[in-house]
PDB file of N, CA and C in Angstrom:
ATOM      1  N   MET A   1       0.840  -1.175   0.000  1.00  0.00           N
ATOM      2  CA  MET A   1       0.000   0.000   0.000  1.00  0.00           C
ATOM      3  C   MET A   1       0.887   1.240   0.000  1.00  0.00           C
ATOM      4  N   LYS A   2       0.529   2.195  -0.799  1.00  0.00           N
ATOM      5  CA  LYS A   2       1.166   3.504  -0.785  1.00  0.00           C
ATOM      6  C   LYS A   2       0.103   4.515  -1.164  1.00  0.00           C
ATOM      7  N   GLU A   3      -0.122   5.451  -0.246  1.00  0.00           N
ATOM      8  CA  GLU A   3      -1.111   6.489  -0.513  1.00  0.00           C
ATOM      9  C   GLU A   3      -0.537   7.820  -0.064  1.00  0.00           C
ATOM     10  N   ILE A   4      -0.717   8.850  -0.880  1.00  0.00           N
ATOM     11  CA  ILE A   4      -0.217  10.181  -0.564  1.00  0.00           C
ATOM     12  C   ILE A   4      -1.375  11.043  -0.088  1.00  0.00           C
ATOM     13  N   LEU A   5      -1.187  11.661   1.079  1.00  0.00           N
ATOM     14  CA  LEU A   5      -2.194  12.540   1.665  1.00  0.00           C
ATOM     15  C   LEU A   5      -1.599  13.941   1.765  1.00  0.00           C
ATOM     16  N   ASN A   6      -2.346  14.938   1.318  1.00  0.00           N
ATOM     17  CA  ASN A   6      -1.872  16.318   1.363  1.00  0.00           C
ATOM     18  C   ASN A   6      -2.742  17.137   2.303  1.00  0.00           C
ATOM     19  N   PHE A   7      -2.082  17.845   3.216  1.00  0.00           N
ATOM     20  CA  PHE A   7      -2.753  18.722   4.160  1.00  0.00           C
ATOM     21  C   PHE A   7      -2.144  20.113   4.044  1.00  0.00           C
ATOM     22  N   ASP A   8      -2.768  21.094   4.656  1.00  0.00           N
ATOM     23  CA  ASP A   8      -2.243  22.455   4.557  1.00  0.00           C
ATOM     24  C   ASP A   8      -0.890  22.617   5.246  1.00  0.00           C
ATOM     25  N   PHE A   9      -0.557  21.753   6.207  1.00  0.00           N
ATOM     26  CA  PHE A   9       0.696  21.875   6.941  1.00  0.00           C
ATOM     27  C   PHE A   9       1.725  20.792   6.600  1.00  0.00           C
ATOM     28  N   CYS A  10       1.299  19.739   5.898  1.00  0.00           N
ATOM     29  CA  CYS A  10       2.241  18.655   5.590  1.00  0.00           C
ATOM     30  C   CYS A  10       1.736  17.775   4.452  1.00  0.00           C
ATOM     31  N   ASP A  11       2.646  16.930   3.968  1.00  0.00           N
ATOM     32  CA  ASP A  11       2.313  15.863   3.030  1.00  0.00           C
ATOM     33  C   ASP A  11       2.714  14.549   3.697  1.00  0.00           C
ATOM     34  N   MET A  12       1.834  13.561   3.624  1.00  0.00           N
ATOM     35  CA  MET A  12       2.095  12.251   4.223  1.00  0.00           C
ATOM     36  C   MET A  12       2.056  11.189   3.132  1.00  0.00           C
ATOM     37  N   THR A  13       3.020  10.288   3.187  1.00  0.00           N
ATOM     38  CA  THR A  13       2.994   9.118   2.325  1.00  0.00           C
ATOM     39  C   THR A  13       2.815   7.913   3.236  1.00  0.00           C
ATOM     40  N   VAL A  14       1.695   7.238   3.074  1.00  0.00           N
ATOM     41  CA  VAL A  14       1.326   6.131   3.945  1.00  0.00           C
ATOM     42  C   VAL A  14       1.743   4.813   3.277  1.00  0.00           C
ATOM     43  N   TYR A  15       2.516   4.028   4.003  1.00  0.00           N
ATOM     44  CA  TYR A  15       2.941   2.695   3.564  1.00  0.00           C
ATOM     45  C   TYR A  15       2.337   1.670   4.522  1.00  0.00           C
ATOM     46  N   ASP A  16       2.592   0.397   4.274  1.00  0.00           N
ATOM     47  CA  ASP A  16       1.995  -0.651   5.100  1.00  0.00           C
ATOM     48  C   ASP A  16       2.318  -0.514   6.585  1.00  0.00           C
ATOM     49  N   ASN A  17       3.586  -0.260   6.928  1.00  0.00           N
ATOM     50  CA  ASN A  17       3.992  -0.265   8.335  1.00  0.00           C
ATOM     51  C   ASN A  17       4.613   1.037   8.809  1.00  0.00           C
ATOM     52  N   TYR A  18       4.635   2.036   7.954  1.00  0.00           N
ATOM     53  CA  TYR A  18       5.197   3.323   8.361  1.00  0.00           C
ATOM     54  C   TYR A  18       4.596   4.433   7.509  1.00  0.00           C
ATOM     55  N   VAL A  19       4.680   5.643   8.059  1.00  0.00           N
ATOM     56  CA  VAL A  19       4.216   6.826   7.357  1.00  0.00           C
ATOM     57  C   VAL A  19       5.385   7.814   7.302  1.00  0.00           C
ATOM     58  N   VAL A  20       5.599   8.413   6.127  1.00  0.00           N
ATOM     59  CA  VAL A  20       6.647   9.414   5.951  1.00  0.00           C
ATOM     60  C   VAL A  20       5.960  10.772   5.828  1.00  0.00           C
ATOM     61  N   VAL A  21       6.344  11.684   6.705  1.00  0.00           N
ATOM     62  CA  VAL A  21       5.706  12.994   6.762  1.00  0.00           C
ATOM     63  C   VAL A  21       6.721  14.081   6.436  1.00  0.00           C
ATOM     64  N   VAL A  22       6.332  14.992   5.543  1.00  0.00           N
ATOM     65  CA  VAL A  22       7.138  16.161   5.219  1.00  0.00           C
ATOM     66  C   VAL A  22       6.325  17.384   5.629  1.00  0.00           C
ATOM     67  N   ILE A  23       6.776  18.041   6.698  1.00  0.00           N
ATOM     68  CA  ILE A  23       6.112  19.254   7.172  1.00  0.00           C
ATOM     69  C   ILE A  23       6.522  20.401   6.250  1.00  0.00           C
ATOM     70  N   LYS A  24       5.583  21.275   5.971  1.00  0.00           N
ATOM     71  CA  LYS A  24       5.847  22.388   5.050  1.00  0.00           C
ATOM     72  C   LYS A  24       6.673  23.492   5.717  1.00  0.00           C
ATOM     73  N   GLU A  25       7.344  24.243   4.894  1.00  0.00           N
ATOM     74  CA  GLU A  25       8.224  25.331   5.322  1.00  0.00           C
ATOM     75  C   GLU A  25       7.496  26.309   6.241  1.00  0.00           C
ATOM     76  N   GLY A  26       8.151  26.653   7.379  1.00  0.00           N
ATOM     77  CA  GLY A  26       7.655  27.692   8.266  1.00  0.00           C
ATOM     78  C   GLY A  26       6.540  27.309   9.222  1.00  0.00           C
ATOM     79  N   VAL A  27       6.097  26.067   9.189  1.00  0.00           N
ATOM     80  CA  VAL A  27       4.999  25.619  10.062  1.00  0.00           C
ATOM     81  C   VAL A  27       5.509  25.517  11.502  1.00  0.00           C
ATOM     82  N   ASN A  28       4.647  25.842  12.453  1.00  0.00           N
ATOM     83  CA  ASN A  28       4.919  25.585  13.862  1.00  0.00           C
ATOM     84  C   ASN A  28       4.045  24.403  14.268  1.00  0.00           C
ATOM     85  N   VAL A  29       4.654  23.246  14.459  1.00  0.00           N
ATOM     86  CA  VAL A  29       3.917  22.022  14.770  1.00  0.00           C
ATOM     87  C   VAL A  29       3.521  22.056  16.246  1.00  0.00           C
ATOM     88  N   THR A  30       2.224  22.100  16.486  1.00  0.00           N
ATOM     89  CA  THR A  30       1.680  22.165  17.844  1.00  0.00           C
ATOM     90  C   THR A  30       0.844  20.912  18.110  1.00  0.00           C
ATOM     91  N   PRO A  31       0.464  20.686  19.376  1.00  0.00           N
ATOM     92  CA  PRO A  31      -0.356  19.500  19.677  1.00  0.00           C
ATOM     93  C   PRO A  31      -1.640  19.412  18.848  1.00  0.00           C
ATOM     94  N   HIS A  32      -2.132  20.521  18.346  1.00  0.00           N
ATOM     95  CA  HIS A  32      -3.332  20.516  17.502  1.00  0.00           C
ATOM     96  C   HIS A  32      -3.179  19.566  16.308  1.00  0.00           C
ATOM     97  N   TYR A  33      -1.976  19.466  15.775  1.00  0.00           N
ATOM     98  CA  TYR A  33      -1.754  18.619  14.604  1.00  0.00           C
ATOM     99  C   TYR A  33      -1.855  17.125  14.916  1.00  0.00           C
ATOM    100  N   ASN A  34      -1.850  16.784  16.198  1.00  0.00           N
ATOM    101  CA  ASN A  34      -2.032  15.370  16.563  1.00  0.00           C
ATOM    102  C   ASN A  34      -3.394  14.849  16.127  1.00  0.00           C
ATOM    103  N   ASP A  35      -4.380  15.735  16.039  1.00  0.00           N
ATOM    104  CA  ASP A  35      -5.710  15.302  15.595  1.00  0.00           C
ATOM    105  C   ASP A  35      -5.635  14.688  14.200  1.00  0.00           C
ATOM    106  N   VAL A  36      -4.847  15.296  13.327  1.00  0.00           N
ATOM    107  CA  VAL A  36      -4.681  14.769  11.968  1.00  0.00           C
ATOM    108  C   VAL A  36      -3.944  13.435  12.018  1.00  0.00           C
ATOM    109  N   LEU A  37      -2.874  13.372  12.808  1.00  0.00           N
ATOM    110  CA  LEU A  37      -2.119  12.122  12.931  1.00  0.00           C
ATOM    111  C   LEU A  37      -3.018  11.003  13.456  1.00  0.00           C
ATOM    112  N   ILE A  38      -3.805  11.296  14.459  1.00  0.00           N
ATOM    113  CA  ILE A  38      -4.697  10.279  15.028  1.00  0.00           C
ATOM    114  C   ILE A  38      -5.726   9.828  13.999  1.00  0.00           C
ATOM    115  N   GLU A  39      -6.243  10.759  13.228  1.00  0.00           N
ATOM    116  CA  GLU A  39      -7.199  10.404  12.177  1.00  0.00           C
ATOM    117  C   GLU A  39      -6.555   9.485  11.136  1.00  0.00           C
ATOM    118  N   VAL A  40      -5.348   9.817  10.726  1.00  0.00           N
ATOM    119  CA  VAL A  40      -4.628   8.987   9.744  1.00  0.00           C
ATOM    120  C   VAL A  40      -4.340   7.611  10.326  1.00  0.00           C
ATOM    121  N   THR A  41      -3.884   7.558  11.576  1.00  0.00           N
ATOM    122  CA  THR A  41      -3.568   6.259  12.173  1.00  0.00           C
ATOM    123  C   THR A  41      -4.820   5.413  12.340  1.00  0.00           C
ATOM    124  N   ASN A  42      -5.918   6.038  12.721  1.00  0.00           N
ATOM    125  CA  ASN A  42      -7.170   5.277  12.854  1.00  0.00           C
ATOM    126  C   ASN A  42      -7.650   4.746  11.505  1.00  0.00           C
ATOM    127  N   THR A  43      -7.390   5.495  10.444  1.00  0.00           N
ATOM    128  CA  THR A  43      -7.825   5.089   9.109  1.00  0.00           C
ATOM    129  C   THR A  43      -6.936   3.995   8.526  1.00  0.00           C
ATOM    130  N   TYR A  44      -5.627   4.173   8.622  1.00  0.00           N
ATOM    131  CA  TYR A  44      -4.699   3.282   7.921  1.00  0.00           C
ATOM    132  C   TYR A  44      -4.034   2.230   8.804  1.00  0.00           C
ATOM    133  N   TYR A  45      -3.976   2.466  10.096  1.00  0.00           N
ATOM    134  CA  TYR A  45      -3.249   1.548  10.978  1.00  0.00           C
ATOM    135  C   TYR A  45      -4.097   1.070  12.145  1.00  0.00           C
ATOM    136  N   SER A  46      -5.383   0.953  11.938  1.00  0.00           N
ATOM    137  CA  SER A  46      -6.256   0.487  13.004  1.00  0.00           C
ATOM    138  C   SER A  46      -5.789  -0.889  13.490  1.00  0.00           C
ATOM    139  N   ASN A  47      -5.440  -0.954  14.761  1.00  0.00           N
ATOM    140  CA  ASN A  47      -4.959  -2.203  15.381  1.00  0.00           C
ATOM    141  C   ASN A  47      -3.752  -2.802  14.662  1.00  0.00           C
ATOM    142  N   LYS A  48      -2.914  -1.958  14.065  1.00  0.00           N
ATOM    143  CA  LYS A  48      -1.747  -2.422  13.321  1.00  0.00           C
ATOM    144  C   LYS A  48      -0.558  -1.548  13.708  1.00  0.00           C
ATOM    145  N   PRO A  49       0.579  -2.150  14.053  1.00  0.00           N
ATOM    146  CA  PRO A  49       1.732  -1.337  14.454  1.00  0.00           C
ATOM    147  C   PRO A  49       2.316  -0.551  13.279  1.00  0.00           C
ATOM    148  N   PHE A  50       2.828   0.643  13.581  1.00  0.00           N
ATOM    149  CA  PHE A  50       3.455   1.461  12.548  1.00  0.00           C
ATOM    150  C   PHE A  50       4.523   2.357  13.164  1.00  0.00           C
ATOM    151  N   VAL A  51       5.355   2.931  12.300  1.00  0.00           N
ATOM    152  CA  VAL A  51       6.401   3.870  12.694  1.00  0.00           C
ATOM    153  C   VAL A  51       6.149   5.186  11.966  1.00  0.00           C
ATOM    154  N   TYR A  52       6.356   6.278  12.668  1.00  0.00           N
ATOM    155  CA  TYR A  52       6.210   7.627  12.115  1.00  0.00           C
ATOM    156  C   TYR A  52       7.614   8.116  11.744  1.00  0.00           C
ATOM    157  N   ILE A  53       7.792   8.495  10.485  1.00  0.00           N
ATOM    158  CA  ILE A  53       9.078   9.029  10.012  1.00  0.00           C
ATOM    159  C   ILE A  53       8.842  10.460   9.538  1.00  0.00           C
ATOM    160  N   THR A  54       9.539  11.397  10.146  1.00  0.00           N
ATOM    161  CA  THR A  54       9.451  12.774   9.696  1.00  0.00           C
ATOM    162  C   THR A  54      10.702  13.094   8.880  1.00  0.00           C
ATOM    163  N   HIS A  55      10.492  13.431   7.625  1.00  0.00           N
ATOM    164  CA  HIS A  55      11.592  13.748   6.705  1.00  0.00           C
ATOM    165  C   HIS A  55      11.719  15.266   6.685  1.00  0.00           C
ATOM    166  N   ARG A  56      12.697  15.771   7.404  1.00  0.00           N
ATOM    167  CA  ARG A  56      12.829  17.215   7.621  1.00  0.00           C
ATOM    168  C   ARG A  56      13.641  17.867   6.508  1.00  0.00           C
ATOM    169  N   ILE A  57      12.975  18.081   5.394  1.00  0.00           N
ATOM    170  CA  ILE A  57      13.629  18.750   4.273  1.00  0.00           C
ATOM    171  C   ILE A  57      13.320  20.242   4.252  1.00  0.00           C
ATOM    172  N   ASN A  58      12.341  20.667   5.061  1.00  0.00           N
ATOM    173  CA  ASN A  58      11.991  22.080   5.182  1.00  0.00           C
ATOM    174  C   ASN A  58      12.326  22.557   6.590  1.00  0.00           C
ATOM    175  N   SER A  59      12.348  23.857   6.772  1.00  0.00           N
ATOM    176  CA  SER A  59      12.608  24.443   8.080  1.00  0.00           C
ATOM    177  C   SER A  59      11.275  24.735   8.764  1.00  0.00           C
ATOM    178  N   TYR A  60      11.103  24.197   9.975  1.00  0.00           N
ATOM    179  CA  TYR A  60       9.891  24.424  10.752  1.00  0.00           C
ATOM    180  C   TYR A  60      10.201  24.186  12.210  1.00  0.00           C
ATOM    181  N   SER A  61       9.282  24.560  13.077  1.00  0.00           N
ATOM    182  CA  SER A  61       9.502  24.378  14.511  1.00  0.00           C
ATOM    183  C   SER A  61       8.510  23.353  15.062  1.00  0.00           C
ATOM    184  N   VAL A  62       8.918  22.729  16.172  1.00  0.00           N
ATOM    185  CA  VAL A  62       8.086  21.715  16.817  1.00  0.00           C
ATOM    186  C   VAL A  62       7.954  22.054  18.298  1.00  0.00           C
ATOM    187  N   ASP A  63       6.731  22.113  18.777  1.00  0.00           N
ATOM    188  CA  ASP A  63       6.478  22.267  20.205  1.00  0.00           C
ATOM    189  C   ASP A  63       6.711  20.887  20.832  1.00  0.00           C
ATOM    190  N   PRO A  64       7.719  20.738  21.694  1.00  0.00           N
ATOM    191  CA  PRO A  64       8.030  19.406  22.248  1.00  0.00           C
ATOM    192  C   PRO A  64       6.862  18.749  22.978  1.00  0.00           C
ATOM    193  N   LYS A  65       5.901  19.541  23.447  1.00  0.00           N
ATOM    194  CA  LYS A  65       4.742  18.971  24.147  1.00  0.00           C
ATOM    195  C   LYS A  65       3.949  18.030  23.244  1.00  0.00           C
ATOM    196  N   ILE A  66       4.126  18.162  21.943  1.00  0.00           N
ATOM    197  CA  ILE A  66       3.404  17.303  21.009  1.00  0.00           C
ATOM    198  C   ILE A  66       3.731  15.826  21.250  1.00  0.00           C
ATOM    199  N   TYR A  67       4.944  15.565  21.742  1.00  0.00           N
ATOM    200  CA  TYR A  67       5.371  14.173  21.919  1.00  0.00           C
ATOM    201  C   TYR A  67       4.666  13.476  23.070  1.00  0.00           C
ATOM    202  N   PHE A  68       4.210  14.226  24.065  1.00  0.00           N
ATOM    203  CA  PHE A  68       3.446  13.596  25.151  1.00  0.00           C
ATOM    204  C   PHE A  68       2.173  12.969  24.614  1.00  0.00           C
ATOM    205  N   GLU A  69       1.494  13.661  23.714  1.00  0.00           N
ATOM    206  CA  GLU A  69       0.263  13.136  23.117  1.00  0.00           C
ATOM    207  C   GLU A  69       0.569  12.052  22.081  1.00  0.00           C
ATOM    208  N   THR A  70       1.590  12.283  21.291  1.00  0.00           N
ATOM    209  CA  THR A  70       1.952  11.305  20.257  1.00  0.00           C
ATOM    210  C   THR A  70       2.314   9.968  20.898  1.00  0.00           C
ATOM    211  N   SER A  71       2.977  10.012  22.039  1.00  0.00           N
ATOM    212  CA  SER A  71       3.360   8.782  22.742  1.00  0.00           C
ATOM    213  C   SER A  71       2.163   7.939  23.149  1.00  0.00           C
ATOM    214  N   LYS A  72       1.001   8.566  23.274  1.00  0.00           N
ATOM    215  CA  LYS A  72      -0.196   7.851  23.709  1.00  0.00           C
ATOM    216  C   LYS A  72      -0.834   7.018  22.599  1.00  0.00           C
ATOM    217  N   ILE A  73      -0.386   7.162  21.378  1.00  0.00           N
ATOM    218  CA  ILE A  73      -0.927   6.350  20.276  1.00  0.00           C
ATOM    219  C   ILE A  73      -0.380   4.937  20.461  1.00  0.00           C
ATOM    220  N   GLU A  74      -1.232   4.031  20.872  1.00  0.00           N
ATOM    221  CA  GLU A  74      -0.791   2.700  21.306  1.00  0.00           C
ATOM    222  C   GLU A  74      -0.040   1.916  20.243  1.00  0.00           C
ATOM    223  N   ASN A  75      -0.510   1.972  19.007  1.00  0.00           N
ATOM    224  CA  ASN A  75       0.125   1.146  17.981  1.00  0.00           C
ATOM    225  C   ASN A  75       1.302   1.845  17.298  1.00  0.00           C
ATOM    226  N   LEU A  76       1.663   3.049  17.756  1.00  0.00           N
ATOM    227  CA  LEU A  76       2.865   3.725  17.270  1.00  0.00           C
ATOM    228  C   LEU A  76       4.062   3.092  17.964  1.00  0.00           C
ATOM    229  N   LYS A  77       4.910   2.432  17.206  1.00  0.00           N
ATOM    230  CA  LYS A  77       6.018   1.673  17.774  1.00  0.00           C
ATOM    231  C   LYS A  77       7.343   2.416  17.765  1.00  0.00           C
ATOM    232  N   GLY A  78       7.442   3.494  16.986  1.00  0.00           N
ATOM    233  CA  GLY A  78       8.685   4.252  16.963  1.00  0.00           C
ATOM    234  C   GLY A  78       8.536   5.531  16.167  1.00  0.00           C
ATOM    235  N   PHE A  79       9.521   6.402  16.337  1.00  0.00           N
ATOM    236  CA  PHE A  79       9.519   7.717  15.698  1.00  0.00           C
ATOM    237  C   PHE A  79      10.920   7.969  15.157  1.00  0.00           C
ATOM    238  N   ALA A  80      11.014   8.353  13.898  1.00  0.00           N
ATOM    239  CA  ALA A  80      12.313   8.623  13.283  1.00  0.00           C
ATOM    240  C   ALA A  80      12.336  10.025  12.696  1.00  0.00           C
ATOM    241  N   VAL A  81      13.462  10.694  12.875  1.00  0.00           N
ATOM    242  CA  VAL A  81      13.703  11.999  12.271  1.00  0.00           C
ATOM    243  C   VAL A  81      14.795  11.809  11.229  1.00  0.00           C
ATOM    244  N   VAL A  82      14.548  12.329  10.025  1.00  0.00           N
ATOM    245  CA  VAL A  82      15.530  12.248   8.943  1.00  0.00           C
ATOM    246  C   VAL A  82      15.911  13.667   8.544  1.00  0.00           C
ATOM    247  N   SER A  83      17.201  13.961   8.648  1.00  0.00           N
ATOM    248  CA  SER A  83      17.694  15.271   8.227  1.00  0.00           C
ATOM    249  C   SER A  83      19.198  15.211   8.034  1.00  0.00           C
ATOM    250  N   LYS A  84      19.683  16.014   7.105  1.00  0.00           N
ATOM    251  CA  LYS A  84      21.123  16.168   6.904  1.00  0.00           C
ATOM    252  C   LYS A  84      21.633  17.415   7.631  1.00  0.00           C
ATOM    253  N   GLU A  85      20.710  18.215   8.151  1.00  0.00           N
ATOM    254  CA  GLU A  85      21.054  19.481   8.783  1.00  0.00           C
ATOM    255  C   GLU A  85      21.429  19.288  10.253  1.00  0.00           C
ATOM    256  N   TYR A  86      22.555  19.850  10.644  1.00  0.00           N
ATOM    257  CA  TYR A  86      23.035  19.741  12.025  1.00  0.00           C
ATOM    258  C   TYR A  86      22.001  20.284  13.015  1.00  0.00           C
ATOM    259  N   LYS A  87      21.441  21.465  12.733  1.00  0.00           N
ATOM    260  CA  LYS A  87      20.477  22.094  13.640  1.00  0.00           C
ATOM    261  C   LYS A  87      19.245  21.212  13.846  1.00  0.00           C
ATOM    262  N   ALA A  88      18.757  20.618  12.789  1.00  0.00           N
ATOM    263  CA  ALA A  88      17.587  19.740  12.896  1.00  0.00           C
ATOM    264  C   ALA A  88      17.906  18.515  13.752  1.00  0.00           C
ATOM    265  N   LYS A  89      19.118  17.993  13.619  1.00  0.00           N
ATOM    266  CA  LYS A  89      19.510  16.831  14.422  1.00  0.00           C
ATOM    267  C   LYS A  89      19.637  17.194  15.900  1.00  0.00           C
ATOM    268  N   VAL A  90      20.188  18.374  16.189  1.00  0.00           N
ATOM    269  CA  VAL A  90      20.298  18.834  17.578  1.00  0.00           C
ATOM    270  C   VAL A  90      18.904  19.028  18.170  1.00  0.00           C
ATOM    271  N   ASN A  91      18.014  19.650  17.418  1.00  0.00           N
ATOM    272  CA  ASN A  91      16.636  19.828  17.888  1.00  0.00           C
ATOM    273  C   ASN A  91      15.966  18.483  18.146  1.00  0.00           C
ATOM    274  N   ALA A  92      16.216  17.524  17.271  1.00  0.00           N
ATOM    275  CA  ALA A  92      15.625  16.195  17.437  1.00  0.00           C
ATOM    276  C   ALA A  92      16.129  15.518  18.708  1.00  0.00           C
ATOM    277  N   GLU A  93      17.389  15.752  19.056  1.00  0.00           N
ATOM    278  CA  GLU A  93      17.922  15.184  20.303  1.00  0.00           C
ATOM    279  C   GLU A  93      17.146  15.721  21.510  1.00  0.00           C
ATOM    280  N   ILE A  94      16.773  16.987  21.470  1.00  0.00           N
ATOM    281  CA  ILE A  94      15.981  17.575  22.545  1.00  0.00           C
ATOM    282  C   ILE A  94      14.571  16.983  22.538  1.00  0.00           C
ATOM    283  N   GLU A  95      13.974  16.895  21.353  1.00  0.00           N
ATOM    284  CA  GLU A  95      12.627  16.340  21.225  1.00  0.00           C
ATOM    285  C   GLU A  95      12.564  14.905  21.737  1.00  0.00           C
ATOM    286  N   LYS A  96      13.636  14.177  21.530  1.00  0.00           N
ATOM    287  CA  LYS A  96      13.718  12.769  21.927  1.00  0.00           C
ATOM    288  C   LYS A  96      13.460  12.596  23.429  1.00  0.00           C
ATOM    289  N   MET A  97      13.831  13.594  24.220  1.00  0.00           N
ATOM    290  CA  MET A  97      13.654  13.524  25.672  1.00  0.00           C
ATOM    291  C   MET A  97      12.181  13.552  26.081  1.00  0.00           C
ATOM    292  N   PHE A  98      11.310  13.992  25.186  1.00  0.00           N
ATOM    293  CA  PHE A  98       9.886  14.108  25.489  1.00  0.00           C
ATOM    294  C   PHE A  98       9.080  12.907  24.983  1.00  0.00           C
ATOM    295  N   PHE A  99       9.739  11.932  24.408  1.00  0.00           N
ATOM    296  CA  PHE A  99       9.058  10.804  23.765  1.00  0.00           C
ATOM    297  C   PHE A  99       9.479   9.520  24.459  1.00  0.00           C
ATOM    298  N   ASN A 100       8.522   8.697  24.862  1.00  0.00           N
ATOM    299  CA  ASN A 100       8.863   7.512  25.659  1.00  0.00           C
ATOM    300  C   ASN A 100       8.801   6.202  24.882  1.00  0.00           C
ATOM    301  N   LYS A 101       9.027   6.283  23.578  1.00  0.00           N
ATOM    302  CA  LYS A 101       9.097   5.093  22.730  1.00  0.00           C
ATOM    303  C   LYS A 101      10.380   5.197  21.909  1.00  0.00           C
ATOM    304  N   PRO A 102      10.745   4.159  21.167  1.00  0.00           N
ATOM    305  CA  PRO A 102      11.955   4.255  20.345  1.00  0.00           C
ATOM    306  C   PRO A 102      11.934   5.498  19.444  1.00  0.00           C
ATOM    307  N   PHE A 103      13.035   6.226  19.450  1.00  0.00           N
ATOM    308  CA  PHE A 103      13.159   7.489  18.717  1.00  0.00           C
ATOM    309  C   PHE A 103      14.584   7.533  18.187  1.00  0.00           C
ATOM    310  N   GLU A 104      14.731   7.567  16.869  1.00  0.00           N
ATOM    311  CA  GLU A 104      16.056   7.573  16.258  1.00  0.00           C
ATOM    312  C   GLU A 104      16.187   8.713  15.264  1.00  0.00           C
ATOM    313  N   ILE A 105      17.426   9.110  15.014  1.00  0.00           N
ATOM    314  CA  ILE A 105      17.731  10.208  14.102  1.00  0.00           C
ATOM    315  C   ILE A 105      18.640   9.665  13.002  1.00  0.00           C
ATOM    316  N   PHE A 106      18.287   9.980  11.758  1.00  0.00           N
ATOM    317  CA  PHE A 106      19.015   9.461  10.599  1.00  0.00           C
ATOM    318  C   PHE A 106      19.372  10.584   9.632  1.00  0.00           C
ATOM    319  N   GLY A 107      20.397  10.341   8.830  1.00  0.00           N
ATOM    320  CA  GLY A 107      20.795  11.306   7.810  1.00  0.00           C
ATOM    321  C   GLY A 107      20.110  11.083   6.478  1.00  0.00           C
ATOM    322  N   VAL A 108      19.650   9.841   6.246  1.00  0.00           N
ATOM    323  CA  VAL A 108      18.984   9.530   4.973  1.00  0.00           C
ATOM    324  C   VAL A 108      17.718   8.716   5.235  1.00  0.00           C
ATOM    325  N   LEU A 109      16.740   8.921   4.374  1.00  0.00           N
ATOM    326  CA  LEU A 109      15.432   8.285   4.521  1.00  0.00           C
ATOM    327  C   LEU A 109      15.513   6.761   4.491  1.00  0.00           C
ATOM    328  N   ASP A 110      16.327   6.202   3.606  1.00  0.00           N
ATOM    329  CA  ASP A 110      16.424   4.739   3.494  1.00  0.00           C
ATOM    330  C   ASP A 110      16.835   4.089   4.814  1.00  0.00           C
ATOM    331  N   ASP A 111      17.715   4.745   5.569  1.00  0.00           N
ATOM    332  CA  ASP A 111      18.134   4.191   6.863  1.00  0.00           C
ATOM    333  C   ASP A 111      16.978   4.198   7.866  1.00  0.00           C
ATOM    334  N   ALA A 112      16.178   5.243   7.829  1.00  0.00           N
ATOM    335  CA  ALA A 112      15.019   5.316   8.723  1.00  0.00           C
ATOM    336  C   ALA A 112      13.999   4.238   8.379  1.00  0.00           C
ATOM    337  N   ILE A 113      13.784   4.022   7.101  1.00  0.00           N
ATOM    338  CA  ILE A 113      12.847   2.987   6.663  1.00  0.00           C
ATOM    339  C   ILE A 113      13.343   1.612   7.083  1.00  0.00           C
ATOM    340  N   ALA A 114      14.625   1.359   6.915  1.00  0.00           N
ATOM    341  CA  ALA A 114      15.196   0.064   7.325  1.00  0.00           C
ATOM    342  C   ALA A 114      15.017  -0.135   8.822  1.00  0.00           C
ATOM    343  N   TRP A 115      15.259   0.906   9.622  1.00  0.00           N
ATOM    344  CA  TRP A 115      15.078   0.825  11.067  1.00  0.00           C
ATOM    345  C   TRP A 115      13.616   0.552  11.405  1.00  0.00           C
ATOM    346  N   ALA A 116      12.716   1.258  10.747  1.00  0.00           N
ATOM    347  CA  ALA A 116      11.279   1.071  10.993  1.00  0.00           C
ATOM    348  C   ALA A 116      10.879  -0.390  10.786  1.00  0.00           C
ATOM    349  N   LYS A 117      11.397  -0.981   9.738  1.00  0.00           N
ATOM    350  CA  LYS A 117      11.049  -2.379   9.447  1.00  0.00           C
ATOM    351  C   LYS A 117      11.571  -3.328  10.515  1.00  0.00           C
ATOM    352  N   THR A 118      12.664  -2.953  11.205  1.00  0.00           N
ATOM    353  CA  THR A 118      13.208  -3.849  12.237  1.00  0.00           C
ATOM    354  C   THR A 118      12.411  -3.802  13.522  1.00  0.00           C
ATOM    355  N   ILE A 119      11.684  -2.709  13.775  1.00  0.00           N
ATOM    356  CA  ILE A 119      10.966  -2.636  15.060  1.00  0.00           C
ATOM    357  C   ILE A 119       9.481  -2.977  14.933  1.00  0.00           C
ATOM    358  N   ILE A 120       9.020  -3.248  13.728  1.00  0.00           N
ATOM    359  CA  ILE A 120       7.617  -3.621  13.541  1.00  0.00           C
ATOM    360  C   ILE A 120       7.471  -5.129  13.734  1.00  0.00           C
TER     361      ILE A 120
END
């Protein structure tokens, strides 16, 4: 399965066991956006484990409080950040402290996908 979903703040590509999300330039990701994530997970991953991969090719900010709610999604088995940018990786290290499930940082998307497949 591969389905592309477009929203005003991001584009999501849904696969069988993981979703790849590209947040749009300049967005401030707040807990409000969890409603969309929950809707997508309920639609595509009902009672099925999955990994969330954020491919950070644009510049945007994330409210770390979002991870407290994201962690509550029971079938979410891991979270991956993909970026080649030093600043994005440093920010992800901080975000990682707010998430109580597997959370990894990668330089390339293929590595994140390979990791996702190992934890499902």
